[in-house]
């Protein structure tokens, strides 16, 4: 079971990125930080889903404005085995970091 940093990415603009997938027979409690390193505001999205392409109902943040040098933080995200944390930024210069704890369901 992993603890600490579970996934990181330097996001490409306009593309969904699978940041972290919960292993089989495990559940996870995670936090997510998205940091805009750029000089202009942009939009970000976050989903907890069963595939790398989120359905409309799976977004937990959608087109939230992330100001220049700003941070979006979501904590206490409960994820079941096989679920994927998907993140998106409308432009480049966004770092995404997922950290937390994995716990066995067995």
C-alpha atoms as a PDB file:
ATOM      1  CA  UNK A   1       0.000   0.000   0.000  1.00  0.00           C
ATOM      2  CA  UNK A   2       1.376   3.335  -1.043  1.00  0.00           C
ATOM      3  CA  UNK A   3       1.237   6.491   1.050  1.00  0.00           C
ATOM      4  CA  UNK A   4       2.408  10.004   0.295  1.00  0.00           C
ATOM      5  CA  UNK A   5       2.633  11.238  -3.273  1.00  0.00           C
ATOM      6  CA  UNK A   6       0.561   8.988  -5.531  1.00  0.00           C
ATOM      7  CA  UNK A   7       0.667  10.865  -8.840  1.00  0.00           C
ATOM      8  CA  UNK A   8       2.147  13.960 -10.482  1.00  0.00           C
ATOM      9  CA  UNK A   9       1.831  15.616 -13.885  1.00  0.00           C
ATOM     10  CA  UNK A  10       2.750  18.742 -15.814  1.00  0.00           C
ATOM     11  CA  UNK A  11      -0.558  19.082 -17.666  1.00  0.00           C
ATOM     12  CA  UNK A  12      -0.836  19.567 -21.412  1.00  0.00           C
ATOM     13  CA  UNK A  13      -3.414  22.177 -22.343  1.00  0.00           C
ATOM     14  CA  UNK A  14      -6.863  20.953 -23.379  1.00  0.00           C
ATOM     15  CA  UNK A  15      -6.266  17.266 -22.602  1.00  0.00           C
ATOM     16  CA  UNK A  16      -7.690  15.002 -19.880  1.00  0.00           C
ATOM     17  CA  UNK A  17      -4.883  13.442 -17.837  1.00  0.00           C
ATOM     18  CA  UNK A  18      -5.268  10.319 -15.693  1.00  0.00           C
ATOM     19  CA  UNK A  19      -3.319  11.348 -12.603  1.00  0.00           C
ATOM     20  CA  UNK A  20      -3.923   8.354 -10.313  1.00  0.00           C
ATOM     21  CA  UNK A  21      -5.710   4.993 -10.461  1.00  0.00           C
ATOM     22  CA  UNK A  22      -6.673   3.111  -7.291  1.00  0.00           C
ATOM     23  CA  UNK A  23      -5.209  -0.420  -7.291  1.00  0.00           C
ATOM     24  CA  UNK A  24      -7.428  -3.525  -7.071  1.00  0.00           C
ATOM     25  CA  UNK A  25      -8.574  -4.602  -3.597  1.00  0.00           C
ATOM     26  CA  UNK A  26      -7.814  -1.137  -2.269  1.00  0.00           C
ATOM     27  CA  UNK A  27      -9.547   2.124  -1.487  1.00  0.00           C
ATOM     28  CA  UNK A  28      -7.811   5.493  -1.223  1.00  0.00           C
ATOM     29  CA  UNK A  29      -8.340   8.818   0.482  1.00  0.00           C
ATOM     30  CA  UNK A  30      -6.512  11.457  -1.529  1.00  0.00           C
ATOM     31  CA  UNK A  31      -5.902  15.161  -1.785  1.00  0.00           C
ATOM     32  CA  UNK A  32      -5.197  17.073  -4.981  1.00  0.00           C
ATOM     33  CA  UNK A  33      -3.287  20.281  -5.586  1.00  0.00           C
ATOM     34  CA  UNK A  34      -3.282  22.031  -8.961  1.00  0.00           C
ATOM     35  CA  UNK A  35      -0.854  24.945  -9.302  1.00  0.00           C
ATOM     36  CA  UNK A  36      -0.952  27.507 -12.134  1.00  0.00           C
ATOM     37  CA  UNK A  37       2.698  28.384 -12.804  1.00  0.00           C
ATOM     38  CA  UNK A  38       1.761  30.687 -15.692  1.00  0.00           C
ATOM     39  CA  UNK A  39       1.105  34.412 -15.996  1.00  0.00           C
ATOM     40  CA  UNK A  40      -2.570  34.225 -17.017  1.00  0.00           C
ATOM     41  CA  UNK A  41      -5.698  32.715 -15.503  1.00  0.00           C
ATOM     42  CA  UNK A  42      -7.043  29.459 -16.954  1.00  0.00           C
ATOM     43  CA  UNK A  43      -9.730  26.842 -16.316  1.00  0.00           C
ATOM     44  CA  UNK A  44      -9.252  23.483 -14.585  1.00  0.00           C
ATOM     45  CA  UNK A  45     -11.411  20.394 -14.090  1.00  0.00           C
ATOM     46  CA  UNK A  46     -11.287  17.380 -11.746  1.00  0.00           C
ATOM     47  CA  UNK A  47     -13.183  14.077 -12.013  1.00  0.00           C
ATOM     48  CA  UNK A  48     -13.330  10.785 -10.128  1.00  0.00           C
ATOM     49  CA  UNK A  49     -14.390   8.227 -12.697  1.00  0.00           C
ATOM     50  CA  UNK A  50     -14.337   4.644 -13.890  1.00  0.00           C
ATOM     51  CA  UNK A  51     -12.691   5.380 -17.273  1.00  0.00           C
ATOM     52  CA  UNK A  52     -10.133   7.894 -18.532  1.00  0.00           C
ATOM     53  CA  UNK A  53     -12.976   9.794 -20.231  1.00  0.00           C
ATOM     54  CA  UNK A  54     -15.253  11.224 -17.520  1.00  0.00           C
ATOM     55  CA  UNK A  55     -19.021  11.233 -17.896  1.00  0.00           C
ATOM     56  CA  UNK A  56     -20.813  14.492 -17.143  1.00  0.00           C
ATOM     57  CA  UNK A  57     -21.872  13.266 -13.687  1.00  0.00           C
ATOM     58  CA  UNK A  58     -18.296  12.394 -12.627  1.00  0.00           C
ATOM     59  CA  UNK A  59     -16.807  15.904 -12.549  1.00  0.00           C
ATOM     60  CA  UNK A  60     -16.257  17.307  -9.036  1.00  0.00           C
ATOM     61  CA  UNK A  61     -14.777  20.590 -10.346  1.00  0.00           C
ATOM     62  CA  UNK A  62     -15.608  21.946 -13.800  1.00  0.00           C
ATOM     63  CA  UNK A  63     -14.036  24.968 -15.535  1.00  0.00           C
ATOM     64  CA  UNK A  64     -12.972  26.513 -12.248  1.00  0.00           C
ATOM     65  CA  UNK A  65     -10.884  29.633 -12.807  1.00  0.00           C
ATOM     66  CA  UNK A  66      -7.317  29.178 -11.567  1.00  0.00           C
ATOM     67  CA  UNK A  67      -5.605  32.545 -11.325  1.00  0.00           C
ATOM     68  CA  UNK A  68      -1.977  33.158 -12.271  1.00  0.00           C
ATOM     69  CA  UNK A  69       0.248  31.677  -9.534  1.00  0.00           C
ATOM     70  CA  UNK A  70      -2.921  30.292  -7.892  1.00  0.00           C
ATOM     71  CA  UNK A  71      -3.621  26.902  -6.331  1.00  0.00           C
ATOM     72  CA  UNK A  72      -6.737  24.708  -6.293  1.00  0.00           C
ATOM     73  CA  UNK A  73      -6.783  22.224  -3.423  1.00  0.00           C
ATOM     74  CA  UNK A  74      -9.305  19.405  -2.910  1.00  0.00           C
ATOM     75  CA  UNK A  75      -8.935  17.201   0.160  1.00  0.00           C
ATOM     76  CA  UNK A  76     -10.622  14.063   1.451  1.00  0.00           C
ATOM     77  CA  UNK A  77     -11.477  12.589  -1.947  1.00  0.00           C
ATOM     78  CA  UNK A  78     -12.621   9.004  -1.310  1.00  0.00           C
ATOM     79  CA  UNK A  79     -11.893   6.636  -4.191  1.00  0.00           C
ATOM     80  CA  UNK A  80     -12.800   2.952  -4.663  1.00  0.00           C
ATOM     81  CA  UNK A  81     -10.711   0.251  -6.345  1.00  0.00           C
ATOM     82  CA  UNK A  82     -10.290   0.922 -10.061  1.00  0.00           C
ATOM     83  CA  UNK A  83     -11.427   4.546  -9.949  1.00  0.00           C
ATOM     84  CA  UNK A  84      -9.319   7.133 -11.764  1.00  0.00           C
ATOM     85  CA  UNK A  85      -8.546  10.717 -10.752  1.00  0.00           C
ATOM     86  CA  UNK A  86      -8.682  12.698 -14.001  1.00  0.00           C
ATOM     87  CA  UNK A  87      -7.503  16.309 -14.256  1.00  0.00           C
ATOM     88  CA  UNK A  88      -7.671  18.878 -17.056  1.00  0.00           C
ATOM     89  CA  UNK A  89      -6.309  22.384 -17.680  1.00  0.00           C
ATOM     90  CA  UNK A  90      -7.330  24.682 -20.523  1.00  0.00           C
ATOM     91  CA  UNK A  91      -3.678  25.718 -21.102  1.00  0.00           C
ATOM     92  CA  UNK A  92      -0.129  24.645 -20.226  1.00  0.00           C
ATOM     93  CA  UNK A  93       1.797  25.572 -17.042  1.00  0.00           C
ATOM     94  CA  UNK A  94      -0.319  23.651 -14.544  1.00  0.00           C
ATOM     95  CA  UNK A  95       1.198  21.152 -12.111  1.00  0.00           C
ATOM     96  CA  UNK A  96      -1.073  18.521 -10.570  1.00  0.00           C
ATOM     97  CA  UNK A  97      -0.081  16.508  -7.494  1.00  0.00           C
ATOM     98  CA  UNK A  98      -2.160  13.772  -5.862  1.00  0.00           C
ATOM     99  CA  UNK A  99      -1.188  12.545  -2.422  1.00  0.00           C
ATOM    100  CA  UNK A 100      -2.845  10.343   0.160  1.00  0.00           C
ATOM    101  CA  UNK A 101      -3.120   6.819   1.488  1.00  0.00           C
ATOM    102  CA  UNK A 102      -4.138   3.441   0.054  1.00  0.00           C
ATOM    103  CA  UNK A 103      -5.888   0.935   2.342  1.00  0.00           C
ATOM    104  CA  UNK A 104      -6.629  -2.730   1.689  1.00  0.00           C
ATOM    105  CA  UNK A 105     -10.255  -3.825   1.431  1.00  0.00           C
ATOM    106  CA  UNK A 106      -9.322  -7.432   2.258  1.00  0.00           C
END
